[in-house]
PDB file of all heavy atoms in Angstrom:
ATOM      1  N   LEU A   1      77.854  67.229 120.854  1.00  0.00           N
ATOM      2  CA  LEU A   1      76.818  67.887 121.647  1.00  0.00           C
ATOM      3  C   LEU A   1      76.503  69.269 121.079  1.00  0.00           C
ATOM      4  O   LEU A   1      75.337  69.677 121.028  1.00  0.00           O
ATOM      5  CB  LEU A   1      77.259  68.008 123.104  1.00  0.00           C
ATOM      6  CG  LEU A   1      76.282  68.734 124.024  1.00  0.00           C
ATOM      7  CD1 LEU A   1      74.977  67.955 124.133  1.00  0.00           C
ATOM      8  CD2 LEU A   1      76.898  68.949 125.380  1.00  0.00           C
ATOM      9  N   MET A   2      77.520  69.986 120.636  1.00  0.00           N
ATOM     10  CA  MET A   2      77.290  71.320 120.079  1.00  0.00           C
ATOM     11  C   MET A   2      76.497  71.240 118.778  1.00  0.00           C
ATOM     12  O   MET A   2      75.758  72.165 118.452  1.00  0.00           O
ATOM     13  CB  MET A   2      78.618  72.042 119.858  1.00  0.00           C
ATOM     14  CG  MET A   2      79.325  72.393 121.154  1.00  0.00           C
ATOM     15  SD  MET A   2      78.287  73.266 122.343  1.00  0.00           S
ATOM     16  CE  MET A   2      78.071  74.822 121.530  1.00  0.00           C
ATOM     17  N   GLY A   3      76.634  70.145 118.042  1.00  0.00           N
ATOM     18  CA  GLY A   3      75.805  69.961 116.854  1.00  0.00           C
ATOM     19  C   GLY A   3      74.339  69.864 117.214  1.00  0.00           C
ATOM     20  O   GLY A   3      73.478  70.447 116.548  1.00  0.00           O
ATOM     21  N   MET A   4      74.032  69.157 118.289  1.00  0.00           N
ATOM     22  CA  MET A   4      72.648  69.062 118.747  1.00  0.00           C
ATOM     23  C   MET A   4      72.140  70.405 119.270  1.00  0.00           C
ATOM     24  O   MET A   4      70.992  70.767 119.053  1.00  0.00           O
ATOM     25  CB  MET A   4      72.517  67.991 119.831  1.00  0.00           C
ATOM     26  CG  MET A   4      72.758  66.619 119.312  1.00  0.00           C
ATOM     27  SD  MET A   4      71.596  66.275 117.982  1.00  0.00           S
ATOM     28  CE  MET A   4      71.659  64.534 117.948  1.00  0.00           C
ATOM     29  N   VAL A   5      72.996  71.134 119.966  1.00  0.00           N
ATOM     30  CA  VAL A   5      72.612  72.465 120.456  1.00  0.00           C
ATOM     31  C   VAL A   5      72.327  73.390 119.281  1.00  0.00           C
ATOM     32  O   VAL A   5      71.343  74.142 119.277  1.00  0.00           O
ATOM     33  CB  VAL A   5      73.716  73.046 121.369  1.00  0.00           C
ATOM     34  CG1 VAL A   5      73.486  74.520 121.667  1.00  0.00           C
ATOM     35  CG2 VAL A   5      73.813  72.246 122.646  1.00  0.00           C
ATOM     36  N   ARG A   6      73.187  73.327 118.272  1.00  0.00           N
ATOM     37  CA  ARG A   6      73.021  74.165 117.079  1.00  0.00           C
ATOM     38  C   ARG A   6      71.697  73.874 116.384  1.00  0.00           C
ATOM     39  O   ARG A   6      70.929  74.789 116.077  1.00  0.00           O
ATOM     40  CB  ARG A   6      74.202  73.908 116.146  1.00  0.00           C
ATOM     41  CG  ARG A   6      74.206  74.717 114.904  1.00  0.00           C
ATOM     42  CD  ARG A   6      75.454  74.465 114.071  1.00  0.00           C
ATOM     43  NE  ARG A   6      75.520  73.093 113.596  1.00  0.00           N
ATOM     44  CZ  ARG A   6      76.498  72.232 113.881  1.00  0.00           C
ATOM     45  NH1 ARG A   6      77.481  72.580 114.654  1.00  0.00           N
ATOM     46  NH2 ARG A   6      76.489  71.014 113.385  1.00  0.00           N
ATOM     47  N   LEU A   7      71.403  72.607 116.159  1.00  0.00           N
ATOM     48  CA  LEU A   7      70.151  72.249 115.497  1.00  0.00           C
ATOM     49  C   LEU A   7      68.939  72.535 116.374  1.00  0.00           C
ATOM     50  O   LEU A   7      67.880  72.933 115.879  1.00  0.00           O
ATOM     51  CB  LEU A   7      70.182  70.777 115.086  1.00  0.00           C
ATOM     52  CG  LEU A   7      71.207  70.443 114.007  1.00  0.00           C
ATOM     53  CD1 LEU A   7      71.200  68.947 113.737  1.00  0.00           C
ATOM     54  CD2 LEU A   7      70.925  71.213 112.735  1.00  0.00           C
ATOM     55  N   GLY A   8      69.082  72.347 117.677  1.00  0.00           N
ATOM     56  CA  GLY A   8      67.989  72.657 118.591  1.00  0.00           C
ATOM     57  C   GLY A   8      67.654  74.135 118.619  1.00  0.00           C
ATOM     58  O   GLY A   8      66.478  74.523 118.691  1.00  0.00           O
ATOM     59  N   LEU A   9      68.676  74.974 118.562  1.00  0.00           N
ATOM     60  CA  LEU A   9      68.462  76.419 118.534  1.00  0.00           C
ATOM     61  C   LEU A   9      67.696  76.837 117.283  1.00  0.00           C
ATOM     62  O   LEU A   9      66.708  77.581 117.368  1.00  0.00           O
ATOM     63  CB  LEU A   9      69.807  77.147 118.586  1.00  0.00           C
ATOM     64  CG  LEU A   9      69.774  78.656 118.393  1.00  0.00           C
ATOM     65  CD1 LEU A   9      69.249  79.314 119.649  1.00  0.00           C
ATOM     66  CD2 LEU A   9      71.150  79.179 118.059  1.00  0.00           C
ATOM     67  N   VAL A  10      68.124  76.353 116.161  1.00  0.00           N
ATOM     68  CA  VAL A  10      67.458  76.692 114.899  1.00  0.00           C
ATOM     69  C   VAL A  10      66.030  76.146 114.893  1.00  0.00           C
ATOM     70  O   VAL A  10      65.086  76.846 114.515  1.00  0.00           O
ATOM     71  CB  VAL A  10      68.259  76.167 113.684  1.00  0.00           C
ATOM     72  CG1 VAL A  10      67.489  76.343 112.403  1.00  0.00           C
ATOM     73  CG2 VAL A  10      69.595  76.882 113.607  1.00  0.00           C
ATOM     74  N   ALA A  11      65.863  74.902 115.343  1.00  0.00           N
ATOM     75  CA  ALA A  11      64.529  74.306 115.369  1.00  0.00           C
ATOM     76  C   ALA A  11      63.600  75.063 116.303  1.00  0.00           C
ATOM     77  O   ALA A  11      62.423  75.286 115.975  1.00  0.00           O
ATOM     78  CB  ALA A  11      64.617  72.849 115.787  1.00  0.00           C
ATOM     79  N   ALA A  12      64.100  75.493 117.455  1.00  0.00           N
ATOM     80  CA  ALA A  12      63.266  76.229 118.403  1.00  0.00           C
ATOM     81  C   ALA A  12      62.780  77.547 117.813  1.00  0.00           C
ATOM     82  O   ALA A  12      61.601  77.905 117.950  1.00  0.00           O
ATOM     83  CB  ALA A  12      64.042  76.476 119.697  1.00  0.00           C
ATOM     84  N   VAL A  13      63.665  78.268 117.149  1.00  0.00           N
ATOM     85  CA  VAL A  13      63.275  79.540 116.544  1.00  0.00           C
ATOM     86  C   VAL A  13      62.268  79.320 115.425  1.00  0.00           C
ATOM     87  O   VAL A  13      61.248  80.016 115.346  1.00  0.00           O
ATOM     88  CB  VAL A  13      64.512  80.304 116.027  1.00  0.00           C
ATOM     89  CG1 VAL A  13      64.113  81.496 115.167  1.00  0.00           C
ATOM     90  CG2 VAL A  13      65.370  80.760 117.184  1.00  0.00           C
ATOM     91  N   LEU A  14      62.518  78.333 114.569  1.00  0.00           N
ATOM     92  CA  LEU A  14      61.614  78.117 113.443  1.00  0.00           C
ATOM     93  C   LEU A  14      60.268  77.562 113.885  1.00  0.00           C
ATOM     94  O   LEU A  14      59.223  77.961 113.339  1.00  0.00           O
ATOM     95  CB  LEU A  14      62.275  77.203 112.412  1.00  0.00           C
ATOM     96  CG  LEU A  14      63.478  77.809 111.681  1.00  0.00           C
ATOM     97  CD1 LEU A  14      64.071  76.791 110.720  1.00  0.00           C
ATOM     98  CD2 LEU A  14      63.115  79.084 110.968  1.00  0.00           C
ATOM     99  N   VAL A  15      60.240  76.679 114.865  1.00  0.00           N
ATOM    100  CA  VAL A  15      58.960  76.150 115.356  1.00  0.00           C
ATOM    101  C   VAL A  15      58.170  77.238 116.064  1.00  0.00           C
ATOM    102  O   VAL A  15      56.954  77.371 115.857  1.00  0.00           O
ATOM    103  CB  VAL A  15      59.202  74.926 116.270  1.00  0.00           C
ATOM    104  CG1 VAL A  15      57.945  74.554 117.033  1.00  0.00           C
ATOM    105  CG2 VAL A  15      59.685  73.749 115.450  1.00  0.00           C
ATOM    106  N   ALA A  16      58.834  78.033 116.897  1.00  0.00           N
ATOM    107  CA  ALA A  16      58.137  79.120 117.582  1.00  0.00           C
ATOM    108  C   ALA A  16      57.579  80.135 116.585  1.00  0.00           C
ATOM    109  O   ALA A  16      56.449  80.612 116.738  1.00  0.00           O
ATOM    110  CB  ALA A  16      59.073  79.812 118.571  1.00  0.00           C
ATOM    111  N   SER A  17      58.341  80.444 115.557  1.00  0.00           N
ATOM    112  CA  SER A  17      57.837  81.393 114.555  1.00  0.00           C
ATOM    113  C   SER A  17      56.684  80.796 113.765  1.00  0.00           C
ATOM    114  O   SER A  17      55.758  81.515 113.367  1.00  0.00           O
ATOM    115  CB  SER A  17      58.959  81.829 113.625  1.00  0.00           C
ATOM    116  OG  SER A  17      59.381  80.757 112.815  1.00  0.00           O
ATOM    117  N   ALA A  18      56.694  79.494 113.539  1.00  0.00           N
ATOM    118  CA  ALA A  18      55.583  78.852 112.839  1.00  0.00           C
ATOM    119  C   ALA A  18      54.315  78.881 113.689  1.00  0.00           C
ATOM    120  O   ALA A  18      53.215  79.096 113.171  1.00  0.00           O
ATOM    121  CB  ALA A  18      55.939  77.417 112.480  1.00  0.00           C
ATOM    122  N   VAL A  19      54.476  78.687 114.984  1.00  0.00           N
ATOM    123  CA  VAL A  19      53.317  78.731 115.884  1.00  0.00           C
ATOM    124  C   VAL A  19      52.690  80.116 115.871  1.00  0.00           C
ATOM    125  O   VAL A  19      51.463  80.258 115.876  1.00  0.00           O
ATOM    126  CB  VAL A  19      53.740  78.316 117.315  1.00  0.00           C
ATOM    127  CG1 VAL A  19      52.650  78.634 118.325  1.00  0.00           C
ATOM    128  CG2 VAL A  19      54.093  76.847 117.352  1.00  0.00           C
ATOM    129  N   PHE A  20      53.513  81.148 115.812  1.00  0.00           N
ATOM    130  CA  PHE A  20      53.005  82.514 115.803  1.00  0.00           C
ATOM    131  C   PHE A  20      52.718  83.047 114.404  1.00  0.00           C
ATOM    132  O   PHE A  20      52.359  84.201 114.242  1.00  0.00           O
ATOM    133  CB  PHE A  20      53.959  83.445 116.544  1.00  0.00           C
ATOM    134  CG  PHE A  20      53.965  83.213 118.019  1.00  0.00           C
ATOM    135  CD1 PHE A  20      55.000  82.542 118.620  1.00  0.00           C
ATOM    136  CD2 PHE A  20      52.906  83.651 118.803  1.00  0.00           C
ATOM    137  CE1 PHE A  20      55.003  82.308 119.980  1.00  0.00           C
ATOM    138  CE2 PHE A  20      52.899  83.434 120.163  1.00  0.00           C
ATOM    139  CZ  PHE A  20      53.947  82.752 120.757  1.00  0.00           C
ATOM    140  N   GLY A  21      52.921  82.233 113.381  1.00  0.00           N
ATOM    141  CA  GLY A  21      52.518  82.607 112.025  1.00  0.00           C
ATOM    142  C   GLY A  21      53.511  83.417 111.227  1.00  0.00           C
ATOM    143  O   GLY A  21      53.123  84.063 110.251  1.00  0.00           O
ATOM    144  N   ASN A  22      54.762  83.407 111.598  1.00  0.00           N
ATOM    145  CA  ASN A  22      55.774  84.177 110.867  1.00  0.00           C
ATOM    146  C   ASN A  22      56.952  83.317 110.449  1.00  0.00           C
ATOM    147  O   ASN A  22      58.111  83.714 110.561  1.00  0.00           O
ATOM    148  CB  ASN A  22      56.270  85.353 111.723  1.00  0.00           C
ATOM    149  CG  ASN A  22      55.287  86.476 111.769  1.00  0.00           C
ATOM    150  OD1 ASN A  22      54.711  86.835 110.750  1.00  0.00           O
ATOM    151  ND2 ASN A  22      55.060  87.018 112.950  1.00  0.00           N
ATOM    152  N   ILE A  23      56.669  82.135 109.943  1.00  0.00           N
ATOM    153  CA  ILE A  23      57.733  81.204 109.555  1.00  0.00           C
ATOM    154  C   ILE A  23      58.569  81.744 108.396  1.00  0.00           C
ATOM    155  O   ILE A  23      59.779  81.548 108.350  1.00  0.00           O
ATOM    156  CB  ILE A  23      57.165  79.803 109.238  1.00  0.00           C
ATOM    157  CG1 ILE A  23      58.281  78.798 108.971  1.00  0.00           C
ATOM    158  CG2 ILE A  23      56.208  79.856 108.065  1.00  0.00           C
ATOM    159  CD1 ILE A  23      59.050  78.395 110.150  1.00  0.00           C
ATOM    160  N   ILE A  24      57.934  82.442 107.480  1.00  0.00           N
ATOM    161  CA  ILE A  24      58.666  82.959 106.310  1.00  0.00           C
ATOM    162  C   ILE A  24      59.723  83.971 106.745  1.00  0.00           C
ATOM    163  O   ILE A  24      60.875  83.914 106.302  1.00  0.00           O
ATOM    164  CB  ILE A  24      57.697  83.583 105.283  1.00  0.00           C
ATOM    165  CG1 ILE A  24      56.685  82.548 104.796  1.00  0.00           C
ATOM    166  CG2 ILE A  24      58.445  84.199 104.127  1.00  0.00           C
ATOM    167  CD1 ILE A  24      57.292  81.384 104.052  1.00  0.00           C
ATOM    168  N   ALA A  25      59.340  84.891 107.624  1.00  0.00           N
ATOM    169  CA  ALA A  25      60.300  85.912 108.076  1.00  0.00           C
ATOM    170  C   ALA A  25      61.466  85.275 108.820  1.00  0.00           C
ATOM    171  O   ALA A  25      62.628  85.634 108.595  1.00  0.00           O
ATOM    172  CB  ALA A  25      59.595  86.923 108.975  1.00  0.00           C
ATOM    173  N   ALA A  26      61.181  84.315 109.689  1.00  0.00           N
ATOM    174  CA  ALA A  26      62.252  83.668 110.441  1.00  0.00           C
ATOM    175  C   ALA A  26      63.143  82.824 109.537  1.00  0.00           C
ATOM    176  O   ALA A  26      64.362  82.808 109.693  1.00  0.00           O
ATOM    177  CB  ALA A  26      61.663  82.798 111.555  1.00  0.00           C
ATOM    178  N   ALA A  27      62.545  82.134 108.573  1.00  0.00           N
ATOM    179  CA  ALA A  27      63.341  81.302 107.657  1.00  0.00           C
ATOM    180  C   ALA A  27      64.231  82.159 106.764  1.00  0.00           C
ATOM    181  O   ALA A  27      65.392  81.814 106.521  1.00  0.00           O
ATOM    182  CB  ALA A  27      62.423  80.429 106.811  1.00  0.00           C
ATOM    183  N   VAL A  28      63.707  83.275 106.285  1.00  0.00           N
ATOM    184  CA  VAL A  28      64.522  84.179 105.459  1.00  0.00           C
ATOM    185  C   VAL A  28      65.656  84.775 106.300  1.00  0.00           C
ATOM    186  O   VAL A  28      66.793  84.868 105.843  1.00  0.00           O
ATOM    187  CB  VAL A  28      63.642  85.279 104.829  1.00  0.00           C
ATOM    188  CG1 VAL A  28      64.475  86.396 104.235  1.00  0.00           C
ATOM    189  CG2 VAL A  28      62.731  84.680 103.773  1.00  0.00           C
TER     190      VAL A  28
END
């Protein structure tokens, strides 16, 4: 379950940053 939480956290941050146009900064 913690593996899913871990991946969900990262995915949420990266998707939200992509929606707002700052995917590069969040990925770095």
